[in-house]
């Protein structure tokens, strides 16, 4: 199992959940009822309601940002940051065990 900690906007204490290798970060968050991940499109890359900010220590473990994801991040409700990603595009790997991400103030 992969351990992931989500930090709600403005909170220093996170909520740690477990995900499975090969599962998307969005799927793991949805299964654990993380409130800050709306995932309206279910992971089809047609919305930006699974926006997260990957903490700096983890950025080198992330898959490359695709052109489609890059474009969709421009439509995120919260301001895009240099470490912004769509959680539906992050497939969990063993190397991501302990991953920490911040949630935006809003997905809408």
PDB file of N, CA and C in Angstrom:
ATOM      1  N   UNK A   1       0.838  -1.191   0.000  1.00  0.00           N
ATOM      2  CA  UNK A   1       0.000   0.000   0.000  1.00  0.00           C
ATOM      3  C   UNK A   1       0.879   1.249   0.000  1.00  0.00           C
ATOM      4  N   UNK A   2       0.374   2.269  -0.627  1.00  0.00           N
ATOM      5  CA  UNK A   2       1.059   3.561  -0.713  1.00  0.00           C
ATOM      6  C   UNK A   2       0.364   4.513   0.254  1.00  0.00           C
ATOM      7  N   UNK A   3       1.129   5.185   1.086  1.00  0.00           N
ATOM      8  CA  UNK A   3       0.582   6.165   2.025  1.00  0.00           C
ATOM      9  C   UNK A   3       0.691   7.557   1.414  1.00  0.00           C
ATOM     10  N   UNK A   4      -0.417   8.279   1.440  1.00  0.00           N
ATOM     11  CA  UNK A   4      -0.489   9.627   0.868  1.00  0.00           C
ATOM     12  C   UNK A   4      -1.116  10.535   1.907  1.00  0.00           C
ATOM     13  N   UNK A   5      -0.512  11.713   2.090  1.00  0.00           N
ATOM     14  CA  UNK A   5      -1.082  12.679   3.025  1.00  0.00           C
ATOM     15  C   UNK A   5      -1.568  13.896   2.253  1.00  0.00           C
ATOM     16  N   UNK A   6      -2.833  14.218   2.468  1.00  0.00           N
ATOM     17  CA  UNK A   6      -3.478  15.390   1.868  1.00  0.00           C
ATOM     18  C   UNK A   6      -3.591  16.478   2.925  1.00  0.00           C
ATOM     19  N   UNK A   7      -3.187  17.677   2.551  1.00  0.00           N
ATOM     20  CA  UNK A   7      -3.282  18.827   3.447  1.00  0.00           C
ATOM     21  C   UNK A   7      -4.325  19.786   2.894  1.00  0.00           C
ATOM     22  N   UNK A   8      -5.401  19.987   3.653  1.00  0.00           N
ATOM     23  CA  UNK A   8      -6.414  20.948   3.237  1.00  0.00           C
ATOM     24  C   UNK A   8      -5.816  22.340   3.249  1.00  0.00           C
ATOM     25  N   UNK A   9      -6.348  23.205   2.405  1.00  0.00           N
ATOM     26  CA  UNK A   9      -5.856  24.577   2.286  1.00  0.00           C
ATOM     27  C   UNK A   9      -5.781  25.247   3.660  1.00  0.00           C
ATOM     28  N   UNK A  10      -4.612  25.740   4.005  1.00  0.00           N
ATOM     29  CA  UNK A  10      -4.425  26.470   5.254  1.00  0.00           C
ATOM     30  C   UNK A  10      -4.202  25.607   6.482  1.00  0.00           C
ATOM     31  N   UNK A  11      -4.252  24.287   6.350  1.00  0.00           N
ATOM     32  CA  UNK A  11      -4.046  23.406   7.501  1.00  0.00           C
ATOM     33  C   UNK A  11      -2.649  22.806   7.487  1.00  0.00           C
ATOM     34  N   UNK A  12      -2.066  22.704   8.663  1.00  0.00           N
ATOM     35  CA  UNK A  12      -0.739  22.106   8.768  1.00  0.00           C
ATOM     36  C   UNK A  12      -0.796  20.625   9.117  1.00  0.00           C
ATOM     37  N   UNK A  13      -1.960  20.165   9.557  1.00  0.00           N
ATOM     38  CA  UNK A  13      -2.132  18.753   9.868  1.00  0.00           C
ATOM     39  C   UNK A  13      -2.858  18.096   8.708  1.00  0.00           C
ATOM     40  N   UNK A  14      -2.281  17.035   8.186  1.00  0.00           N
ATOM     41  CA  UNK A  14      -2.862  16.383   7.030  1.00  0.00           C
ATOM     42  C   UNK A  14      -3.659  15.149   7.374  1.00  0.00           C
ATOM     43  N   UNK A  15      -4.315  14.615   6.354  1.00  0.00           N
ATOM     44  CA  UNK A  15      -5.061  13.366   6.468  1.00  0.00           C
ATOM     45  C   UNK A  15      -4.346  12.335   5.616  1.00  0.00           C
ATOM     46  N   UNK A  16      -3.893  11.259   6.246  1.00  0.00           N
ATOM     47  CA  UNK A  16      -3.165  10.212   5.532  1.00  0.00           C
ATOM     48  C   UNK A  16      -4.106   9.082   5.156  1.00  0.00           C
ATOM     49  N   UNK A  17      -4.003   8.670   3.901  1.00  0.00           N
ATOM     50  CA  UNK A  17      -4.819   7.569   3.372  1.00  0.00           C
ATOM     51  C   UNK A  17      -3.885   6.544   2.745  1.00  0.00           C
ATOM     52  N   UNK A  18      -4.460   5.443   2.293  1.00  0.00           N
ATOM     53  CA  UNK A  18      -3.693   4.431   1.582  1.00  0.00           C
ATOM     54  C   UNK A  18      -4.237   4.266   0.169  1.00  0.00           C
ATOM     55  N   UNK A  19      -3.332   4.056  -0.760  1.00  0.00           N
ATOM     56  CA  UNK A  19      -3.694   3.782  -2.135  1.00  0.00           C
ATOM     57  C   UNK A  19      -2.940   2.560  -2.616  1.00  0.00           C
ATOM     58  N   UNK A  20      -3.291   2.100  -3.809  1.00  0.00           N
ATOM     59  CA  UNK A  20      -2.666   0.916  -4.383  1.00  0.00           C
ATOM     60  C   UNK A  20      -1.782   1.306  -5.554  1.00  0.00           C
ATOM     61  N   UNK A  21      -0.698   0.577  -5.738  1.00  0.00           N
ATOM     62  CA  UNK A  21       0.164   0.779  -6.896  1.00  0.00           C
ATOM     63  C   UNK A  21      -0.686   0.616  -8.157  1.00  0.00           C
ATOM     64  N   UNK A  22      -0.534   1.556  -9.094  1.00  0.00           N
ATOM     65  CA  UNK A  22      -1.268   1.535 -10.354  1.00  0.00           C
ATOM     66  C   UNK A  22      -2.564   2.324 -10.321  1.00  0.00           C
ATOM     67  N   UNK A  23      -3.052   2.613  -9.127  1.00  0.00           N
ATOM     68  CA  UNK A  23      -4.262   3.414  -8.964  1.00  0.00           C
ATOM     69  C   UNK A  23      -3.877   4.883  -9.153  1.00  0.00           C
ATOM     70  N   UNK A  24      -4.804   5.701  -9.635  1.00  0.00           N
ATOM     71  CA  UNK A  24      -4.487   7.123  -9.724  1.00  0.00           C
ATOM     72  C   UNK A  24      -4.623   7.758  -8.339  1.00  0.00           C
ATOM     73  N   UNK A  25      -3.936   8.844  -8.146  1.00  0.00           N
ATOM     74  CA  UNK A  25      -4.044   9.589  -6.895  1.00  0.00           C
ATOM     75  C   UNK A  25      -5.491  10.025  -6.682  1.00  0.00           C
ATOM     76  N   UNK A  26      -6.182  10.409  -7.738  1.00  0.00           N
ATOM     77  CA  UNK A  26      -7.583  10.804  -7.648  1.00  0.00           C
ATOM     78  C   UNK A  26      -8.460   9.641  -7.191  1.00  0.00           C
ATOM     79  N   UNK A  27      -8.231   8.451  -7.732  1.00  0.00           N
ATOM     80  CA  UNK A  27      -9.009   7.279  -7.334  1.00  0.00           C
ATOM     81  C   UNK A  27      -8.807   6.965  -5.856  1.00  0.00           C
ATOM     82  N   UNK A  28      -7.563   7.048  -5.399  1.00  0.00           N
ATOM     83  CA  UNK A  28      -7.271   6.791  -3.987  1.00  0.00           C
ATOM     84  C   UNK A  28      -7.969   7.818  -3.107  1.00  0.00           C
ATOM     85  N   UNK A  29      -7.922   9.091  -3.518  1.00  0.00           N
ATOM     86  CA  UNK A  29      -8.567  10.163  -2.741  1.00  0.00           C
ATOM     87  C   UNK A  29     -10.079   9.977  -2.720  1.00  0.00           C
ATOM     88  N   UNK A  30     -10.666   9.632  -3.857  1.00  0.00           N
ATOM     89  CA  UNK A  30     -12.117   9.431  -3.925  1.00  0.00           C
ATOM     90  C   UNK A  30     -12.551   8.250  -3.060  1.00  0.00           C
ATOM     91  N   UNK A  31     -11.793   7.165  -3.109  1.00  0.00           N
ATOM     92  CA  UNK A  31     -12.126   5.984  -2.308  1.00  0.00           C
ATOM     93  C   UNK A  31     -12.059   6.286  -0.816  1.00  0.00           C
ATOM     94  N   UNK A  32     -11.199   7.221  -0.430  1.00  0.00           N
ATOM     95  CA  UNK A  32     -11.041   7.591   0.984  1.00  0.00           C
ATOM     96  C   UNK A  32     -11.899   8.790   1.369  1.00  0.00           C
ATOM     97  N   UNK A  33     -12.744   9.248   0.457  1.00  0.00           N
ATOM     98  CA  UNK A  33     -13.638  10.382   0.711  1.00  0.00           C
ATOM     99  C   UNK A  33     -12.899  11.665   1.108  1.00  0.00           C
ATOM    100  N   UNK A  34     -11.799  11.961   0.413  1.00  0.00           N
ATOM    101  CA  UNK A  34     -11.104  13.226   0.630  1.00  0.00           C
ATOM    102  C   UNK A  34     -11.992  14.325   0.058  1.00  0.00           C
ATOM    103  N   UNK A  35     -12.473  15.204   0.918  1.00  0.00           N
ATOM    104  CA  UNK A  35     -13.440  16.228   0.509  1.00  0.00           C
ATOM    105  C   UNK A  35     -12.892  17.217  -0.510  1.00  0.00           C
ATOM    106  N   UNK A  36     -11.615  17.484  -0.498  1.00  0.00           N
ATOM    107  CA  UNK A  36     -11.044  18.483  -1.391  1.00  0.00           C
ATOM    108  C   UNK A  36     -10.827  18.018  -2.813  1.00  0.00           C
ATOM    109  N   UNK A  37     -11.163  16.772  -3.120  1.00  0.00           N
ATOM    110  CA  UNK A  37     -11.044  16.241  -4.479  1.00  0.00           C
ATOM    111  C   UNK A  37     -12.458  15.976  -4.997  1.00  0.00           C
ATOM    112  N   UNK A  38     -12.917  16.811  -5.921  1.00  0.00           N
ATOM    113  CA  UNK A  38     -14.271  16.649  -6.452  1.00  0.00           C
ATOM    114  C   UNK A  38     -14.317  15.574  -7.541  1.00  0.00           C
ATOM    115  N   UNK A  39     -13.332  15.564  -8.426  1.00  0.00           N
ATOM    116  CA  UNK A  39     -13.224  14.550  -9.488  1.00  0.00           C
ATOM    117  C   UNK A  39     -14.503  14.425 -10.309  1.00  0.00           C
ATOM    118  N   UNK A  40     -15.030  15.540 -10.746  1.00  0.00           N
ATOM    119  CA  UNK A  40     -16.299  15.557 -11.478  1.00  0.00           C
ATOM    120  C   UNK A  40     -16.302  14.700 -12.746  1.00  0.00           C
ATOM    121  N   UNK A  41     -15.187  14.660 -13.461  1.00  0.00           N
ATOM    122  CA  UNK A  41     -15.173  13.915 -14.723  1.00  0.00           C
ATOM    123  C   UNK A  41     -14.744  12.459 -14.535  1.00  0.00           C
ATOM    124  N   UNK A  42     -14.431  12.081 -13.323  1.00  0.00           N
ATOM    125  CA  UNK A  42     -14.064  10.695 -13.052  1.00  0.00           C
ATOM    126  C   UNK A  42     -12.710  10.285 -13.581  1.00  0.00           C
ATOM    127  N   UNK A  43     -11.884  11.245 -13.916  1.00  0.00           N
ATOM    128  CA  UNK A  43     -10.533  10.933 -14.371  1.00  0.00           C
ATOM    129  C   UNK A  43     -10.345  10.912 -15.869  1.00  0.00           C
ATOM    130  N   UNK A  44     -11.282  11.505 -16.603  1.00  0.00           N
ATOM    131  CA  UNK A  44     -11.175  11.508 -18.065  1.00  0.00           C
ATOM    132  C   UNK A  44     -10.439  12.729 -18.618  1.00  0.00           C
ATOM    133  N   UNK A  45      -9.877  13.529 -17.753  1.00  0.00           N
ATOM    134  CA  UNK A  45      -9.093  14.713 -18.128  1.00  0.00           C
ATOM    135  C   UNK A  45      -9.936  15.741 -18.884  1.00  0.00           C
ATOM    136  N   UNK A  46     -11.185  15.926 -18.413  1.00  0.00           N
ATOM    137  CA  UNK A  46     -12.056  16.923 -19.027  1.00  0.00           C
ATOM    138  C   UNK A  46     -12.507  17.978 -18.024  1.00  0.00           C
ATOM    139  N   UNK A  47     -11.894  17.986 -16.853  1.00  0.00           N
ATOM    140  CA  UNK A  47     -12.161  19.025 -15.857  1.00  0.00           C
ATOM    141  C   UNK A  47     -10.873  19.227 -15.068  1.00  0.00           C
ATOM    142  N   UNK A  48     -10.916  20.082 -14.106  1.00  0.00           N
ATOM    143  CA  UNK A  48      -9.731  20.301 -13.266  1.00  0.00           C
ATOM    144  C   UNK A  48     -10.124  20.262 -11.791  1.00  0.00           C
ATOM    145  N   UNK A  49     -11.110  19.419 -11.455  1.00  0.00           N
ATOM    146  CA  UNK A  49     -11.618  19.379 -10.085  1.00  0.00           C
ATOM    147  C   UNK A  49     -10.904  18.353  -9.205  1.00  0.00           C
ATOM    148  N   UNK A  50      -9.752  17.889  -9.673  1.00  0.00           N
ATOM    149  CA  UNK A  50      -8.903  17.022  -8.852  1.00  0.00           C
ATOM    150  C   UNK A  50      -7.517  17.650  -8.703  1.00  0.00           C
ATOM    151  N   UNK A  51      -7.486  18.967  -8.814  1.00  0.00           N
ATOM    152  CA  UNK A  51      -6.270  19.761  -8.734  1.00  0.00           C
ATOM    153  C   UNK A  51      -5.588  19.577  -7.368  1.00  0.00           C
ATOM    154  N   UNK A  52      -4.299  19.310  -7.380  1.00  0.00           N
ATOM    155  CA  UNK A  52      -3.485  19.239  -6.166  1.00  0.00           C
ATOM    156  C   UNK A  52      -2.168  19.956  -6.428  1.00  0.00           C
ATOM    157  N   UNK A  53      -1.467  20.290  -5.364  1.00  0.00           N
ATOM    158  CA  UNK A  53      -0.119  20.815  -5.464  1.00  0.00           C
ATOM    159  C   UNK A  53       0.807  19.811  -4.787  1.00  0.00           C
ATOM    160  N   UNK A  54       1.705  19.246  -5.573  1.00  0.00           N
ATOM    161  CA  UNK A  54       2.640  18.246  -5.076  1.00  0.00           C
ATOM    162  C   UNK A  54       3.757  18.965  -4.322  1.00  0.00           C
ATOM    163  N   UNK A  55       3.991  18.537  -3.094  1.00  0.00           N
ATOM    164  CA  UNK A  55       5.043  19.168  -2.289  1.00  0.00           C
ATOM    165  C   UNK A  55       6.399  18.949  -2.955  1.00  0.00           C
ATOM    166  N   UNK A  56       7.299  19.939  -2.821  1.00  0.00           N
ATOM    167  CA  UNK A  56       8.574  19.914  -3.544  1.00  0.00           C
ATOM    168  C   UNK A  56       9.391  18.628  -3.420  1.00  0.00           C
ATOM    169  N   UNK A  57       9.416  18.015  -2.258  1.00  0.00           N
ATOM    170  CA  UNK A  57      10.215  16.803  -2.062  1.00  0.00           C
ATOM    171  C   UNK A  57       9.757  15.638  -2.941  1.00  0.00           C
ATOM    172  N   UNK A  58       8.556  15.737  -3.485  1.00  0.00           N
ATOM    173  CA  UNK A  58       7.965  14.637  -4.263  1.00  0.00           C
ATOM    174  C   UNK A  58       7.894  14.911  -5.756  1.00  0.00           C
ATOM    175  N   UNK A  59       8.214  16.099  -6.188  1.00  0.00           N
ATOM    176  CA  UNK A  59       8.024  16.459  -7.591  1.00  0.00           C
ATOM    177  C   UNK A  59       8.840  15.591  -8.550  1.00  0.00           C
ATOM    178  N   UNK A  60      10.032  15.176  -8.144  1.00  0.00           N
ATOM    179  CA  UNK A  60      10.851  14.368  -9.049  1.00  0.00           C
ATOM    180  C   UNK A  60      10.357  12.919  -9.174  1.00  0.00           C
ATOM    181  N   UNK A  61       9.375  12.552  -8.375  1.00  0.00           N
ATOM    182  CA  UNK A  61       8.796  11.206  -8.443  1.00  0.00           C
ATOM    183  C   UNK A  61       7.520  11.181  -9.302  1.00  0.00           C
ATOM    184  N   UNK A  62       7.104  12.343  -9.791  1.00  0.00           N
ATOM    185  CA  UNK A  62       5.879  12.457 -10.566  1.00  0.00           C
ATOM    186  C   UNK A  62       6.114  12.136 -12.034  1.00  0.00           C
ATOM    187  N   UNK A  63       5.080  11.594 -12.699  1.00  0.00           N
ATOM    188  CA  UNK A  63       5.197  11.399 -14.140  1.00  0.00           C
ATOM    189  C   UNK A  63       5.247  12.754 -14.842  1.00  0.00           C
ATOM    190  N   UNK A  64       5.730  12.748 -16.052  1.00  0.00           N
ATOM    191  CA  UNK A  64       5.816  13.988 -16.826  1.00  0.00           C
ATOM    192  C   UNK A  64       4.427  14.585 -17.040  1.00  0.00           C
ATOM    193  N   UNK A  65       4.370  15.887 -17.057  1.00  0.00           N
ATOM    194  CA  UNK A  65       3.136  16.627 -17.307  1.00  0.00           C
ATOM    195  C   UNK A  65       2.837  16.565 -18.808  1.00  0.00           C
ATOM    196  N   UNK A  66       1.681  16.031 -19.168  1.00  0.00           N
ATOM    197  CA  UNK A  66       1.313  15.956 -20.593  1.00  0.00           C
ATOM    198  C   UNK A  66       0.791  17.318 -21.054  1.00  0.00           C
ATOM    199  N   UNK A  67       0.755  17.516 -22.356  1.00  0.00           N
ATOM    200  CA  UNK A  67       0.210  18.757 -22.907  1.00  0.00           C
ATOM    201  C   UNK A  67      -1.260  18.925 -22.523  1.00  0.00           C
ATOM    202  N   UNK A  68      -2.012  17.821 -22.529  1.00  0.00           N
ATOM    203  CA  UNK A  68      -3.437  17.891 -22.175  1.00  0.00           C
ATOM    204  C   UNK A  68      -3.626  18.300 -20.720  1.00  0.00           C
ATOM    205  N   UNK A  69      -2.854  17.693 -19.829  1.00  0.00           N
ATOM    206  CA  UNK A  69      -2.948  18.067 -18.413  1.00  0.00           C
ATOM    207  C   UNK A  69      -2.531  19.514 -18.217  1.00  0.00           C
ATOM    208  N   UNK A  70      -1.471  19.910 -18.876  1.00  0.00           N
ATOM    209  CA  UNK A  70      -0.976  21.286 -18.784  1.00  0.00           C
ATOM    210  C   UNK A  70      -2.068  22.270 -19.189  1.00  0.00           C
ATOM    211  N   UNK A  71      -2.754  21.991 -20.285  1.00  0.00           N
ATOM    212  CA  UNK A  71      -3.824  22.865 -20.745  1.00  0.00           C
ATOM    213  C   UNK A  71      -5.011  22.885 -19.802  1.00  0.00           C
ATOM    214  N   UNK A  72      -5.386  21.732 -19.279  1.00  0.00           N
ATOM    215  CA  UNK A  72      -6.545  21.652 -18.379  1.00  0.00           C
ATOM    216  C   UNK A  72      -6.276  22.378 -17.066  1.00  0.00           C
ATOM    217  N   UNK A  73      -5.038  22.403 -16.603  1.00  0.00           N
ATOM    218  CA  UNK A  73      -4.708  23.113 -15.360  1.00  0.00           C
ATOM    219  C   UNK A  73      -5.002  24.607 -15.465  1.00  0.00           C
ATOM    220  N   UNK A  74      -5.021  25.127 -16.676  1.00  0.00           N
ATOM    221  CA  UNK A  74      -5.361  26.540 -16.867  1.00  0.00           C
ATOM    222  C   UNK A  74      -6.814  26.833 -16.488  1.00  0.00           C
ATOM    223  N   UNK A  75      -7.642  25.790 -16.396  1.00  0.00           N
ATOM    224  CA  UNK A  75      -9.057  25.958 -16.063  1.00  0.00           C
ATOM    225  C   UNK A  75      -9.358  25.634 -14.598  1.00  0.00           C
ATOM    226  N   UNK A  76      -8.331  25.375 -13.811  1.00  0.00           N
ATOM    227  CA  UNK A  76      -8.542  25.083 -12.388  1.00  0.00           C
ATOM    228  C   UNK A  76      -9.129  26.305 -11.693  1.00  0.00           C
ATOM    229  N   UNK A  77     -10.021  26.073 -10.747  1.00  0.00           N
ATOM    230  CA  UNK A  77     -10.673  27.177 -10.027  1.00  0.00           C
ATOM    231  C   UNK A  77      -9.685  27.967  -9.187  1.00  0.00           C
ATOM    232  N   UNK A  78      -8.770  27.271  -8.548  1.00  0.00           N
ATOM    233  CA  UNK A  78      -7.744  27.936  -7.737  1.00  0.00           C
ATOM    234  C   UNK A  78      -6.557  28.271  -8.636  1.00  0.00           C
ATOM    235  N   UNK A  79      -5.867  29.299  -8.300  1.00  0.00           N
ATOM    236  CA  UNK A  79      -4.717  29.716  -9.102  1.00  0.00           C
ATOM    237  C   UNK A  79      -3.716  28.579  -9.264  1.00  0.00           C
ATOM    238  N   UNK A  80      -3.300  28.413 -10.475  1.00  0.00           N
ATOM    239  CA  UNK A  80      -2.301  27.393 -10.803  1.00  0.00           C
ATOM    240  C   UNK A  80      -0.963  27.774 -10.182  1.00  0.00           C
ATOM    241  N   UNK A  81      -0.283  26.776  -9.625  1.00  0.00           N
ATOM    242  CA  UNK A  81       1.035  26.956  -9.024  1.00  0.00           C
ATOM    243  C   UNK A  81       2.056  26.163  -9.847  1.00  0.00           C
ATOM    244  N   UNK A  82       3.354  26.450  -9.673  1.00  0.00           N
ATOM    245  CA  UNK A  82       4.364  25.680 -10.414  1.00  0.00           C
ATOM    246  C   UNK A  82       4.309  24.176 -10.123  1.00  0.00           C
ATOM    247  N   UNK A  83       3.807  23.797  -8.953  1.00  0.00           N
ATOM    248  CA  UNK A  83       3.734  22.387  -8.571  1.00  0.00           C
ATOM    249  C   UNK A  83       2.324  21.810  -8.723  1.00  0.00           C
ATOM    250  N   UNK A  84       1.446  22.502  -9.454  1.00  0.00           N
ATOM    251  CA  UNK A  84       0.077  22.033  -9.671  1.00  0.00           C
ATOM    252  C   UNK A  84       0.058  20.817 -10.582  1.00  0.00           C
ATOM    253  N   UNK A  85      -0.802  19.875 -10.217  1.00  0.00           N
ATOM    254  CA  UNK A  85      -1.042  18.687 -11.038  1.00  0.00           C
ATOM    255  C   UNK A  85      -2.503  18.296 -10.917  1.00  0.00           C
ATOM    256  N   UNK A  86      -2.972  17.502 -11.850  1.00  0.00           N
ATOM    257  CA  UNK A  86      -4.295  16.900 -11.746  1.00  0.00           C
ATOM    258  C   UNK A  86      -4.082  15.492 -11.194  1.00  0.00           C
ATOM    259  N   UNK A  87      -4.718  15.208 -10.079  1.00  0.00           N
ATOM    260  CA  UNK A  87      -4.459  13.934  -9.403  1.00  0.00           C
ATOM    261  C   UNK A  87      -4.898  12.726 -10.233  1.00  0.00           C
ATOM    262  N   UNK A  88      -5.786  12.932 -11.200  1.00  0.00           N
ATOM    263  CA  UNK A  88      -6.197  11.820 -12.072  1.00  0.00           C
ATOM    264  C   UNK A  88      -5.070  11.383 -12.993  1.00  0.00           C
ATOM    265  N   UNK A  89      -4.061  12.206 -13.152  1.00  0.00           N
ATOM    266  CA  UNK A  89      -2.958  11.914 -14.065  1.00  0.00           C
ATOM    267  C   UNK A  89      -1.722  11.375 -13.352  1.00  0.00           C
ATOM    268  N   UNK A  90      -1.832  11.168 -12.058  1.00  0.00           N
ATOM    269  CA  UNK A  90      -0.701  10.644 -11.278  1.00  0.00           C
ATOM    270  C   UNK A  90      -1.012   9.203 -10.899  1.00  0.00           C
ATOM    271  N   UNK A  91      -0.349   8.258 -11.542  1.00  0.00           N
ATOM    272  CA  UNK A  91      -0.493   6.838 -11.213  1.00  0.00           C
ATOM    273  C   UNK A  91       0.482   6.521 -10.078  1.00  0.00           C
ATOM    274  N   UNK A  92      -0.041   5.933  -9.022  1.00  0.00           N
ATOM    275  CA  UNK A  92       0.771   5.653  -7.842  1.00  0.00           C
ATOM    276  C   UNK A  92       1.792   4.552  -8.105  1.00  0.00           C
ATOM    277  N   UNK A  93       3.005   4.777  -7.622  1.00  0.00           N
ATOM    278  CA  UNK A  93       4.093   3.800  -7.709  1.00  0.00           C
ATOM    279  C   UNK A  93       4.658   3.593  -6.309  1.00  0.00           C
ATOM    280  N   UNK A  94       5.427   2.531  -6.143  1.00  0.00           N
ATOM    281  CA  UNK A  94       6.076   2.267  -4.850  1.00  0.00           C
ATOM    282  C   UNK A  94       6.927   3.456  -4.410  1.00  0.00           C
ATOM    283  N   UNK A  95       7.542   4.140  -5.367  1.00  0.00           N
ATOM    284  CA  UNK A  95       8.409   5.283  -5.051  1.00  0.00           C
ATOM    285  C   UNK A  95       7.636   6.460  -4.461  1.00  0.00           C
ATOM    286  N   UNK A  96       6.307   6.431  -4.558  1.00  0.00           N
ATOM    287  CA  UNK A  96       5.480   7.523  -4.047  1.00  0.00           C
ATOM    288  C   UNK A  96       4.984   7.273  -2.621  1.00  0.00           C
ATOM    289  N   UNK A  97       5.424   6.190  -1.997  1.00  0.00           N
ATOM    290  CA  UNK A  97       4.985   5.911  -0.625  1.00  0.00           C
ATOM    291  C   UNK A  97       5.428   7.053   0.285  1.00  0.00           C
ATOM    292  N   UNK A  98       4.473   7.691   0.959  1.00  0.00           N
ATOM    293  CA  UNK A  98       4.746   8.848   1.810  1.00  0.00           C
ATOM    294  C   UNK A  98       4.428  10.173   1.128  1.00  0.00           C
ATOM    295  N   UNK A  99       3.913  10.126  -0.090  1.00  0.00           N
ATOM    296  CA  UNK A  99       3.589  11.323  -0.886  1.00  0.00           C
ATOM    297  C   UNK A  99       2.772  12.330  -0.082  1.00  0.00           C
ATOM    298  N   UNK A 100       3.112  13.605  -0.238  1.00  0.00           N
ATOM    299  CA  UNK A 100       2.371  14.692   0.401  1.00  0.00           C
ATOM    300  C   UNK A 100       1.924  15.686  -0.661  1.00  0.00           C
ATOM    301  N   UNK A 101       0.631  16.026  -0.616  1.00  0.00           N
ATOM    302  CA  UNK A 101       0.065  16.997  -1.548  1.00  0.00           C
ATOM    303  C   UNK A 101      -0.810  17.983  -0.799  1.00  0.00           C
ATOM    304  N   UNK A 102      -0.870  19.193  -1.324  1.00  0.00           N
ATOM    305  CA  UNK A 102      -1.734  20.227  -0.779  1.00  0.00           C
ATOM    306  C   UNK A 102      -2.962  20.360  -1.660  1.00  0.00           C
ATOM    307  N   UNK A 103      -4.087  20.620  -1.033  1.00  0.00           N
ATOM    308  CA  UNK A 103      -5.340  20.836  -1.756  1.00  0.00           C
ATOM    309  C   UNK A 103      -5.569  22.321  -1.937  1.00  0.00           C
ATOM    310  N   UNK A 104      -6.148  22.711  -3.064  1.00  0.00           N
ATOM    311  CA  UNK A 104      -6.441  24.130  -3.271  1.00  0.00           C
ATOM    312  C   UNK A 104      -7.587  24.578  -2.369  1.00  0.00           C
ATOM    313  N   UNK A 105      -7.765  25.882  -2.272  1.00  0.00           N
ATOM    314  CA  UNK A 105      -8.848  26.425  -1.465  1.00  0.00           C
ATOM    315  C   UNK A 105     -10.205  25.942  -1.963  1.00  0.00           C
ATOM    316  N   UNK A 106     -10.340  25.799  -3.273  1.00  0.00           N
ATOM    317  CA  UNK A 106     -11.601  25.357  -3.851  1.00  0.00           C
ATOM    318  C   UNK A 106     -11.334  24.647  -5.173  1.00  0.00           C
ATOM    319  N   UNK A 107     -12.219  23.719  -5.527  1.00  0.00           N
ATOM    320  CA  UNK A 107     -12.149  23.064  -6.847  1.00  0.00           C
ATOM    321  C   UNK A 107     -13.180  23.696  -7.792  1.00  0.00           C
ATOM    322  N   UNK A 108     -14.007  24.633  -7.268  1.00  0.00           N
ATOM    323  CA  UNK A 108     -15.052  25.270  -8.092  1.00  0.00           C
ATOM    324  C   UNK A 108     -14.911  26.765  -8.076  1.00  0.00           C
TER     325      UNK A 108
END
